[in-house]
Amino acid sequence: MDREFIEKLNSVSEWVGQEDRSELADNAIFFHEEEDGLVRVSGPKGAFEHRLKPLAELFSSGAADLAVMKWDDPRYLSLLYAIEGEIKRVYEANPEMTDSAVMLALDQLAMKPETTSNDLLVKAVTRRLRLTLSMDDYSRDEVRKGLRKILASVKRHKAAAGVRGYLDFIMAHVP
C-alpha cells in the first residue's frame, strides 16, 4: 500500500456512508497515456497527480494463508475485478484480441507479476495492479494466485466456447 497516495486521495475525497456500514468516495482516476505510472485523481475537494510506485514496492509483507483463500470474499473479488476489468477494457479497444493472447499475458504475470513487457495487455494489467495495490494490501502470492485463478477461467472458457469464449464471457458478466 502507498500511504502517501492514500493521504492525497483522502484529501480530495468526500466519504459517504453506505447501508452496509462501508464508505464510498466519488473520485475519478485517469492514467497518463505517455508516462508510465502517472495518474491524475479528481475529487469533490480538488485534484492531484501522483506517480504510482513500481509493483514490487507495493506488495504487502504479510503472509496470506493461501490454502484458504475465499474468492467470494469482497477483498479478493476486488482484486479479481481489477484484473478482469482491465482485460475487458483492453479487449473493447482491441476487438481482434483472442483468449490465447490473454492466456499468454496472464501466464507471464502469474510467474512474475512485477515483470515489464511491451505487450499491451501485460502493461495494462500491471498498471491497474499498481493502482489497486496502492490502495489495498495484497501480498505477491495473493496477486499471483488471483492471476492464476483468472488464467484457469480463460482456459476453461476457451475450451468450452472457442477462440473468444472467455472474452465474450467477461463482456457479458464484468461491469
Protein backbone atom coordinates (compact mmCIF):
# COMPACT_ATOMS: atom_id res chain seq x y z
CA MET A 1 0.00 0.00 0.00
CA ASP A 2 1.15 3.51 -0.73
CA ARG A 3 0.38 5.68 2.33
CA GLU A 4 1.26 8.90 0.50
CA PHE A 5 -1.24 8.08 -2.26
CA ILE A 6 -3.93 7.24 0.32
CA GLU A 7 -3.35 10.56 2.13
CA LYS A 8 -3.63 12.52 -1.13
CA LEU A 9 -6.74 10.54 -2.09
CA ASN A 10 -8.36 11.27 1.26
CA SER A 11 -7.56 14.98 0.91
CA VAL A 12 -9.69 15.32 -2.25
CA SER A 13 -12.44 12.86 -1.26
CA GLU A 14 -15.75 13.18 0.49
CA TRP A 15 -16.60 9.85 2.09
CA VAL A 16 -20.28 8.90 2.19
CA GLY A 17 -21.63 6.16 4.46
CA GLN A 18 -23.38 3.24 2.77
CA GLU A 19 -26.17 0.96 4.02
CA ASP A 20 -23.70 -1.85 4.73
CA ARG A 21 -21.72 0.50 7.03
CA SER A 22 -18.94 0.90 4.47
CA GLU A 23 -17.91 4.23 2.99
CA LEU A 24 -17.68 5.30 -0.63
CA ALA A 25 -15.88 8.25 -2.20
CA ASP A 26 -16.62 9.74 -5.60
CA ASN A 27 -13.29 10.20 -7.39
CA ALA A 28 -12.18 9.99 -10.99
CA ILE A 29 -8.79 8.45 -11.70
CA PHE A 30 -7.10 8.88 -15.07
CA PHE A 31 -3.90 7.18 -16.24
CA HIS A 32 -1.47 9.33 -18.20
CA GLU A 33 -1.20 7.86 -21.69
CA GLU A 34 2.51 8.55 -22.21
CA GLU A 35 4.06 8.47 -18.74
CA ASP A 36 4.06 5.07 -17.10
CA GLY A 37 2.57 5.10 -13.61
CA LEU A 38 1.40 8.72 -13.60
CA VAL A 39 -2.22 9.15 -12.51
CA ARG A 40 -4.46 12.17 -12.10
CA VAL A 41 -7.13 11.99 -9.43
CA SER A 42 -10.06 14.40 -9.29
CA GLY A 43 -12.44 14.55 -6.38
CA PRO A 44 -15.01 16.91 -4.86
CA LYS A 45 -12.29 18.73 -2.89
CA GLY A 46 -9.68 19.08 -5.63
CA ALA A 47 -7.27 17.14 -7.81
CA PHE A 48 -3.70 15.89 -7.77
CA GLU A 49 -1.18 13.95 -9.83
CA HIS A 50 0.77 11.06 -8.40
CA ARG A 51 3.38 8.66 -9.72
CA LEU A 52 2.47 5.13 -8.67
CA LYS A 53 5.22 3.06 -7.12
CA PRO A 54 6.54 0.04 -9.01
CA LEU A 55 4.54 -3.08 -8.32
CA ALA A 56 7.44 -4.77 -6.49
CA GLU A 57 7.33 -1.99 -3.85
CA LEU A 58 3.58 -2.28 -3.30
CA PHE A 59 3.25 -5.92 -2.26
CA SER A 60 2.41 -6.32 1.41
CA SER A 61 4.88 -8.25 3.50
CA GLY A 62 2.18 -10.09 5.43
CA ALA A 63 1.84 -13.77 4.74
CA ALA A 64 -1.57 -14.81 3.50
CA ASP A 65 -2.99 -18.24 4.18
CA LEU A 66 -3.12 -19.20 0.51
CA ALA A 67 -4.69 -22.57 1.28
CA VAL A 68 -7.92 -20.95 2.48
CA MET A 69 -8.35 -18.00 0.13
CA LYS A 70 -12.08 -17.47 -0.36
CA TRP A 71 -12.67 -15.95 -3.76
CA ASP A 72 -16.16 -14.79 -2.79
CA ASP A 73 -14.61 -12.59 -0.08
CA PRO A 74 -15.10 -8.92 -1.20
CA ARG A 75 -11.39 -8.29 -0.65
CA TYR A 76 -10.39 -10.93 -3.21
CA LEU A 77 -13.28 -10.11 -5.54
CA SER A 78 -11.88 -6.59 -5.69
CA LEU A 79 -8.50 -7.94 -6.83
CA LEU A 80 -10.07 -10.25 -9.42
CA TYR A 81 -12.31 -7.46 -10.71
CA ALA A 82 -9.32 -5.12 -11.08
CA ILE A 83 -7.63 -7.66 -13.34
CA GLU A 84 -10.70 -8.74 -15.31
CA GLY A 85 -11.96 -5.17 -15.66
CA GLU A 86 -8.68 -4.18 -17.25
CA ILE A 87 -8.75 -7.19 -19.59
CA LYS A 88 -12.26 -6.15 -20.65
CA ARG A 89 -11.16 -2.55 -21.20
CA VAL A 90 -8.24 -3.63 -23.41
CA TYR A 91 -10.48 -6.02 -25.37
CA GLU A 92 -13.03 -3.26 -26.01
CA ALA A 93 -10.25 -1.16 -27.54
CA ASN A 94 -8.75 -4.14 -29.41
CA PRO A 95 -11.59 -6.40 -30.60
CA GLU A 96 -9.18 -8.61 -32.56
CA MET A 97 -7.70 -9.88 -29.27
CA THR A 98 -8.18 -13.58 -28.51
CA ASP A 99 -8.25 -15.74 -25.41
CA SER A 100 -4.79 -17.03 -26.39
CA ALA A 101 -3.35 -13.51 -26.06
CA VAL A 102 -4.97 -13.22 -22.63
CA MET A 103 -3.52 -16.60 -21.61
CA LEU A 104 -0.01 -15.56 -22.68
CA ALA A 105 -0.21 -12.28 -20.76
CA LEU A 106 -1.66 -13.85 -17.60
CA ASP A 107 0.83 -16.71 -17.71
CA GLN A 108 3.68 -14.21 -17.84
CA LEU A 109 2.22 -12.14 -15.00
CA ALA A 110 1.40 -15.18 -12.85
CA MET A 111 5.06 -16.18 -12.97
CA LYS A 112 6.34 -12.70 -12.13
CA PRO A 113 3.67 -10.03 -11.55
CA GLU A 114 6.21 -7.21 -11.45
CA THR A 115 7.53 -8.08 -14.91
CA THR A 116 7.95 -5.39 -17.54
CA SER A 117 6.79 -6.04 -21.07
CA ASN A 118 5.86 -4.29 -24.28
CA ASP A 119 2.70 -6.42 -24.51
CA LEU A 120 -0.31 -4.10 -24.36
CA LEU A 121 -2.32 -6.37 -22.06
CA VAL A 122 0.58 -7.05 -19.68
CA LYS A 123 1.23 -3.31 -19.41
CA ALA A 124 -2.44 -2.52 -18.81
CA VAL A 125 -2.96 -5.20 -16.14
CA THR A 126 0.29 -4.21 -14.41
CA ARG A 127 -0.79 -0.55 -14.41
CA ARG A 128 -4.16 -1.48 -12.88
CA LEU A 129 -2.49 -3.72 -10.29
CA ARG A 130 -0.21 -0.82 -9.32
CA LEU A 131 -3.28 1.34 -8.69
CA THR A 132 -5.11 -1.40 -6.80
CA LEU A 133 -2.12 -2.24 -4.60
CA SER A 134 -1.57 1.46 -3.91
CA MET A 135 -4.93 1.46 -2.13
CA ASP A 136 -5.04 -2.01 -0.56
CA ASP A 137 -2.66 -4.59 0.89
CA TYR A 138 -2.13 -7.73 -1.16
CA SER A 139 0.91 -9.96 -0.99
CA ARG A 140 2.80 -11.02 -4.08
CA ASP A 141 1.49 -14.56 -3.58
CA GLU A 142 -2.12 -13.35 -3.36
CA VAL A 143 -1.70 -11.45 -6.64
CA ARG A 144 -0.08 -14.46 -8.31
CA LYS A 145 -2.87 -16.72 -7.09
CA GLY A 146 -5.51 -14.29 -8.38
CA LEU A 147 -3.82 -14.15 -11.78
CA ARG A 148 -3.70 -17.97 -11.88
CA LYS A 149 -7.38 -18.17 -10.96
CA ILE A 150 -8.29 -15.93 -13.90
CA LEU A 151 -5.89 -17.84 -16.16
CA ALA A 152 -7.72 -21.08 -15.29
CA SER A 153 -11.01 -19.35 -16.15
CA VAL A 154 -9.64 -18.24 -19.53
CA LYS A 155 -8.54 -21.80 -20.32
CA ARG A 156 -11.90 -23.22 -19.25
CA HIS A 157 -13.97 -20.75 -21.29
CA LYS A 158 -11.70 -21.07 -24.34
CA ALA A 159 -12.04 -24.85 -24.28
CA ALA A 160 -15.82 -24.66 -23.89
CA ALA A 161 -16.67 -21.76 -26.19
CA GLY A 162 -13.80 -21.21 -28.63
CA VAL A 163 -11.29 -18.53 -29.54
CA ARG A 164 -13.00 -15.71 -27.63
CA GLY A 165 -15.03 -17.73 -25.14
CA TYR A 166 -13.51 -16.04 -22.10
CA LEU A 167 -13.55 -12.57 -23.64
CA ASP A 168 -17.21 -12.97 -24.59
CA PHE A 169 -17.91 -14.15 -21.03
CA ILE A 170 -16.32 -11.10 -19.38
CA MET A 171 -18.04 -8.77 -21.83
CA ALA A 172 -21.36 -10.19 -20.62
CA HIS A 173 -20.56 -10.50 -16.91
CA VAL A 174 -17.92 -7.95 -15.85
CA PRO A 175 -19.39 -4.46 -15.35
